[in-house]
N, C-alpha and C. Protein backbone atom coordinates (compact mmCIF):
# COMPACT_ATOMS: atom_id res chain seq x y z
N MET A 1 26.88 21.06 4.57
CA MET A 1 27.40 19.92 5.28
C MET A 1 26.48 18.72 5.02
N THR A 2 27.03 17.59 4.69
CA THR A 2 26.21 16.41 4.40
C THR A 2 26.00 15.59 5.66
N ALA A 3 24.86 14.97 5.70
CA ALA A 3 24.52 14.13 6.85
C ALA A 3 25.22 12.79 6.72
N ALA A 4 25.51 12.18 7.85
CA ALA A 4 26.14 10.87 7.86
C ALA A 4 25.15 9.84 7.30
N ARG A 5 25.67 8.92 6.55
CA ARG A 5 24.83 7.88 5.96
C ARG A 5 24.37 6.91 7.04
N ARG A 6 23.07 6.66 7.07
CA ARG A 6 22.53 5.74 8.08
C ARG A 6 22.70 4.30 7.62
N ARG A 7 22.95 3.44 8.55
CA ARG A 7 23.09 2.00 8.28
C ARG A 7 21.97 1.27 9.01
N PHE A 8 21.40 0.29 8.34
CA PHE A 8 20.32 -0.50 8.93
C PHE A 8 20.75 -1.97 8.96
N THR A 9 20.36 -2.66 10.02
CA THR A 9 20.70 -4.08 10.12
C THR A 9 19.87 -4.88 9.12
N GLN A 10 20.37 -6.04 8.77
CA GLN A 10 19.63 -6.90 7.86
C GLN A 10 18.33 -7.35 8.49
N GLU A 11 18.35 -7.54 9.80
CA GLU A 11 17.13 -7.93 10.51
C GLU A 11 16.04 -6.87 10.37
N PHE A 12 16.42 -5.60 10.50
CA PHE A 12 15.49 -4.49 10.35
C PHE A 12 14.93 -4.45 8.93
N LYS A 13 15.79 -4.61 7.94
CA LYS A 13 15.37 -4.60 6.55
C LYS A 13 14.39 -5.74 6.27
N ASP A 14 14.71 -6.94 6.78
CA ASP A 14 13.84 -8.10 6.57
C ASP A 14 12.48 -7.88 7.23
N GLU A 15 12.46 -7.28 8.40
CA GLU A 15 11.22 -7.02 9.12
C GLU A 15 10.31 -6.09 8.31
N LEU A 16 10.89 -5.04 7.74
CA LEU A 16 10.11 -4.12 6.92
C LEU A 16 9.59 -4.82 5.67
N CYS A 17 10.42 -5.65 5.07
CA CYS A 17 10.00 -6.39 3.88
C CYS A 17 8.84 -7.33 4.21
N ARG A 18 8.93 -8.02 5.33
CA ARG A 18 7.84 -8.92 5.74
C ARG A 18 6.56 -8.13 5.99
N GLU A 19 6.69 -6.93 6.55
CA GLU A 19 5.50 -6.12 6.79
C GLU A 19 4.83 -5.72 5.48
N VAL A 20 5.62 -5.34 4.50
CA VAL A 20 5.06 -4.97 3.19
C VAL A 20 4.36 -6.18 2.57
N ILE A 21 4.98 -7.34 2.63
CA ILE A 21 4.43 -8.53 2.00
C ILE A 21 3.20 -9.04 2.74
N ASN A 22 3.29 -9.16 4.06
CA ASN A 22 2.21 -9.76 4.84
C ASN A 22 0.97 -8.88 4.96
N THR A 23 1.16 -7.58 5.04
CA THR A 23 0.02 -6.68 5.24
C THR A 23 -0.46 -6.06 3.95
N SER A 24 0.28 -6.23 2.87
CA SER A 24 -0.04 -5.63 1.56
C SER A 24 -0.13 -4.11 1.64
N LYS A 25 0.58 -3.53 2.59
CA LYS A 25 0.64 -2.07 2.67
C LYS A 25 1.54 -1.55 1.56
N PRO A 26 1.26 -0.36 1.07
CA PRO A 26 2.15 0.23 0.06
C PRO A 26 3.54 0.46 0.64
N ILE A 27 4.53 0.31 -0.20
CA ILE A 27 5.92 0.50 0.20
C ILE A 27 6.11 1.88 0.80
N LYS A 28 5.51 2.87 0.17
CA LYS A 28 5.67 4.25 0.62
C LYS A 28 5.16 4.44 2.06
N ASP A 29 4.02 3.83 2.38
CA ASP A 29 3.45 3.96 3.73
C ASP A 29 4.36 3.35 4.79
N VAL A 30 4.88 2.17 4.51
CA VAL A 30 5.78 1.51 5.46
C VAL A 30 7.08 2.30 5.60
N ALA A 31 7.59 2.80 4.50
CA ALA A 31 8.83 3.58 4.53
C ALA A 31 8.66 4.84 5.38
N ILE A 32 7.56 5.54 5.21
CA ILE A 32 7.32 6.75 6.00
C ILE A 32 7.16 6.40 7.47
N ALA A 33 6.44 5.32 7.77
CA ALA A 33 6.21 4.92 9.16
C ALA A 33 7.52 4.64 9.90
N TYR A 34 8.51 4.11 9.19
CA TYR A 34 9.78 3.74 9.83
C TYR A 34 10.90 4.73 9.54
N GLY A 35 10.60 5.77 8.80
CA GLY A 35 11.60 6.81 8.55
C GLY A 35 12.73 6.40 7.63
N VAL A 36 12.41 5.59 6.63
CA VAL A 36 13.41 5.20 5.64
C VAL A 36 12.92 5.66 4.26
N GLY A 37 13.80 5.67 3.30
CA GLY A 37 13.43 6.07 1.95
C GLY A 37 12.64 4.98 1.26
N ALA A 38 11.63 5.39 0.49
CA ALA A 38 10.80 4.43 -0.23
C ALA A 38 11.63 3.64 -1.25
N GLU A 39 12.56 4.31 -1.92
CA GLU A 39 13.40 3.61 -2.90
C GLU A 39 14.31 2.60 -2.22
N SER A 40 14.81 2.94 -1.05
CA SER A 40 15.65 2.00 -0.30
C SER A 40 14.85 0.76 0.04
N LEU A 41 13.65 0.97 0.57
CA LEU A 41 12.80 -0.16 0.93
C LEU A 41 12.45 -0.99 -0.30
N ARG A 42 12.19 -0.34 -1.42
CA ARG A 42 11.88 -1.06 -2.66
C ARG A 42 13.07 -1.94 -3.07
N ASN A 43 14.28 -1.42 -2.93
CA ASN A 43 15.48 -2.21 -3.25
C ASN A 43 15.63 -3.38 -2.29
N TRP A 44 15.42 -3.12 -1.00
CA TRP A 44 15.51 -4.19 -0.01
C TRP A 44 14.49 -5.28 -0.31
N LEU A 45 13.29 -4.87 -0.70
CA LEU A 45 12.22 -5.81 -0.99
C LEU A 45 12.58 -6.70 -2.18
N GLY A 46 13.18 -6.11 -3.21
CA GLY A 46 13.61 -6.89 -4.36
C GLY A 46 14.63 -7.95 -3.98
N LYS A 47 15.61 -7.55 -3.17
CA LYS A 47 16.63 -8.51 -2.71
C LYS A 47 16.02 -9.57 -1.80
N TYR A 48 15.09 -9.15 -0.93
CA TYR A 48 14.44 -10.08 -0.02
C TYR A 48 13.68 -11.15 -0.80
N ARG A 49 12.96 -10.72 -1.82
CA ARG A 49 12.18 -11.67 -2.62
C ARG A 49 13.09 -12.62 -3.40
N GLU A 50 14.22 -12.11 -3.88
CA GLU A 50 15.18 -12.98 -4.58
C GLU A 50 15.74 -14.04 -3.64
N GLU A 51 16.12 -13.62 -2.45
CA GLU A 51 16.74 -14.53 -1.49
C GLU A 51 15.75 -15.53 -0.92
N ASN A 52 14.50 -15.15 -0.78
CA ASN A 52 13.51 -16.01 -0.15
C ASN A 52 12.55 -16.63 -1.15
N GLY A 53 12.92 -16.62 -2.39
CA GLY A 53 12.10 -17.28 -3.41
C GLY A 53 10.77 -16.61 -3.66
N GLY A 54 10.69 -15.32 -3.42
CA GLY A 54 9.43 -14.61 -3.67
C GLY A 54 8.31 -15.14 -2.82
N THR A 55 8.30 -14.83 -1.57
CA THR A 55 7.33 -15.37 -0.63
C THR A 55 5.89 -15.04 -0.99
N GLU A 56 5.70 -14.18 -1.95
CA GLU A 56 4.35 -13.81 -2.36
C GLU A 56 4.04 -14.54 -3.67
N ALA A 57 2.99 -15.34 -3.66
CA ALA A 57 2.63 -16.10 -4.86
C ALA A 57 2.06 -15.16 -5.91
N ASP A 58 2.43 -15.40 -7.16
CA ASP A 58 1.89 -14.60 -8.25
C ASP A 58 0.42 -14.93 -8.43
N LEU A 59 -0.35 -13.93 -8.81
CA LEU A 59 -1.78 -14.12 -9.02
C LEU A 59 -2.02 -14.80 -10.36
N THR A 60 -3.04 -15.64 -10.38
CA THR A 60 -3.43 -16.26 -11.64
C THR A 60 -4.22 -15.25 -12.45
N VAL A 61 -4.49 -15.58 -13.69
CA VAL A 61 -5.22 -14.68 -14.57
C VAL A 61 -6.62 -14.41 -14.00
N SER A 62 -7.28 -15.45 -13.51
CA SER A 62 -8.63 -15.26 -12.96
C SER A 62 -8.59 -14.42 -11.68
N GLU A 63 -7.55 -14.60 -10.87
CA GLU A 63 -7.41 -13.79 -9.65
C GLU A 63 -7.16 -12.33 -9.99
N ARG A 64 -6.35 -12.09 -11.01
CA ARG A 64 -6.10 -10.71 -11.45
C ARG A 64 -7.39 -10.06 -11.96
N ALA A 65 -8.17 -10.81 -12.71
CA ALA A 65 -9.43 -10.28 -13.23
C ALA A 65 -10.38 -9.96 -12.09
N ARG A 66 -10.45 -10.85 -11.12
CA ARG A 66 -11.33 -10.63 -9.95
C ARG A 66 -10.85 -9.42 -9.16
N LEU A 67 -9.56 -9.29 -8.97
CA LEU A 67 -9.00 -8.15 -8.25
C LEU A 67 -9.34 -6.85 -8.96
N LYS A 68 -9.18 -6.83 -10.27
CA LYS A 68 -9.50 -5.64 -11.06
C LYS A 68 -10.98 -5.29 -10.92
N GLU A 69 -11.83 -6.31 -10.95
CA GLU A 69 -13.27 -6.11 -10.80
C GLU A 69 -13.60 -5.52 -9.42
N LEU A 70 -12.98 -6.06 -8.39
CA LEU A 70 -13.22 -5.56 -7.04
C LEU A 70 -12.71 -4.14 -6.85
N GLU A 71 -11.57 -3.83 -7.45
CA GLU A 71 -11.04 -2.46 -7.37
C GLU A 71 -11.98 -1.48 -8.06
N ARG A 72 -12.55 -1.88 -9.19
CA ARG A 72 -13.50 -1.02 -9.90
C ARG A 72 -14.76 -0.81 -9.05
N GLU A 73 -15.22 -1.89 -8.42
CA GLU A 73 -16.41 -1.81 -7.58
C GLU A 73 -16.17 -0.87 -6.38
N VAL A 74 -15.01 -0.97 -5.77
CA VAL A 74 -14.67 -0.08 -4.65
C VAL A 74 -14.68 1.37 -5.11
N HIS A 75 -14.11 1.61 -6.28
CA HIS A 75 -14.08 2.98 -6.81
C HIS A 75 -15.49 3.51 -7.02
N GLU A 76 -16.37 2.69 -7.59
CA GLU A 76 -17.76 3.10 -7.82
C GLU A 76 -18.48 3.35 -6.50
N LEU A 77 -18.28 2.48 -5.52
CA LEU A 77 -18.95 2.65 -4.23
C LEU A 77 -18.48 3.91 -3.52
N ARG A 78 -17.20 4.21 -3.61
CA ARG A 78 -16.70 5.44 -3.01
C ARG A 78 -17.29 6.67 -3.67
N ALA A 79 -17.44 6.61 -5.01
CA ALA A 79 -18.05 7.73 -5.73
C ALA A 79 -19.51 7.90 -5.31
N GLU A 80 -20.24 6.80 -5.18
CA GLU A 80 -21.63 6.86 -4.75
C GLU A 80 -21.74 7.41 -3.33
N THR A 81 -20.85 6.99 -2.45
CA THR A 81 -20.86 7.48 -1.08
C THR A 81 -20.61 8.98 -1.03
N ALA A 82 -19.66 9.45 -1.81
CA ALA A 82 -19.37 10.88 -1.86
C ALA A 82 -20.58 11.65 -2.36
N PHE A 83 -21.26 11.12 -3.39
CA PHE A 83 -22.45 11.77 -3.92
C PHE A 83 -23.55 11.82 -2.87
N LEU A 84 -23.78 10.72 -2.18
CA LEU A 84 -24.83 10.68 -1.17
C LEU A 84 -24.54 11.61 0.01
N GLU A 85 -23.26 11.73 0.38
CA GLU A 85 -22.91 12.66 1.44
C GLU A 85 -23.21 14.10 1.03
N LYS A 86 -22.89 14.43 -0.21
CA LYS A 86 -23.17 15.78 -0.70
C LYS A 86 -24.68 16.03 -0.79
N ALA A 87 -25.42 15.02 -1.26
CA ALA A 87 -26.86 15.16 -1.37
C ALA A 87 -27.51 15.33 0.00
N SER A 88 -27.07 14.55 0.98
CA SER A 88 -27.65 14.67 2.32
C SER A 88 -27.33 16.03 2.93
N ALA A 89 -26.15 16.54 2.68
CA ALA A 89 -25.80 17.88 3.19
C ALA A 89 -26.67 18.95 2.52
N TYR A 90 -26.92 18.79 1.23
CA TYR A 90 -27.77 19.73 0.50
C TYR A 90 -29.19 19.74 1.05
N PHE A 91 -29.76 18.56 1.23
CA PHE A 91 -31.14 18.47 1.70
C PHE A 91 -31.25 18.85 3.18
N ALA A 92 -30.20 18.66 3.94
CA ALA A 92 -30.22 19.11 5.34
C ALA A 92 -30.30 20.62 5.40
N ARG A 93 -29.62 21.31 4.47
CA ARG A 93 -29.69 22.77 4.42
C ARG A 93 -31.08 23.21 3.98
N GLU A 94 -31.69 22.48 3.05
CA GLU A 94 -33.02 22.81 2.54
C GLU A 94 -34.07 22.71 3.64
N GLN A 95 -33.89 21.79 4.57
CA GLN A 95 -34.87 21.57 5.66
C GLN A 95 -34.92 22.75 6.61
N ARG A 96 -33.83 23.48 6.75
CA ARG A 96 -33.79 24.59 7.71
C ARG A 96 -34.60 25.72 7.27
């Protein structure tokens, strides 16, 4: 037996689209939080951006480079943090 197709108001769709754009949350996270399909939200977002002139400004080349640099730095810092946590756990065992 197939489930009835759910219908969402345009207001609801626009609200989810604004949340994705304003908070920079991943589409998947917002979709799960509201119980909708990620692909549906992605389609709604495409239509929303077309209708509203793409409320999100495109990044310049220098901004993209800076973003890439910051993402790399975050990745390195997380790796260092994980290493230090493991090292501290190792030396805590050695002290006993």
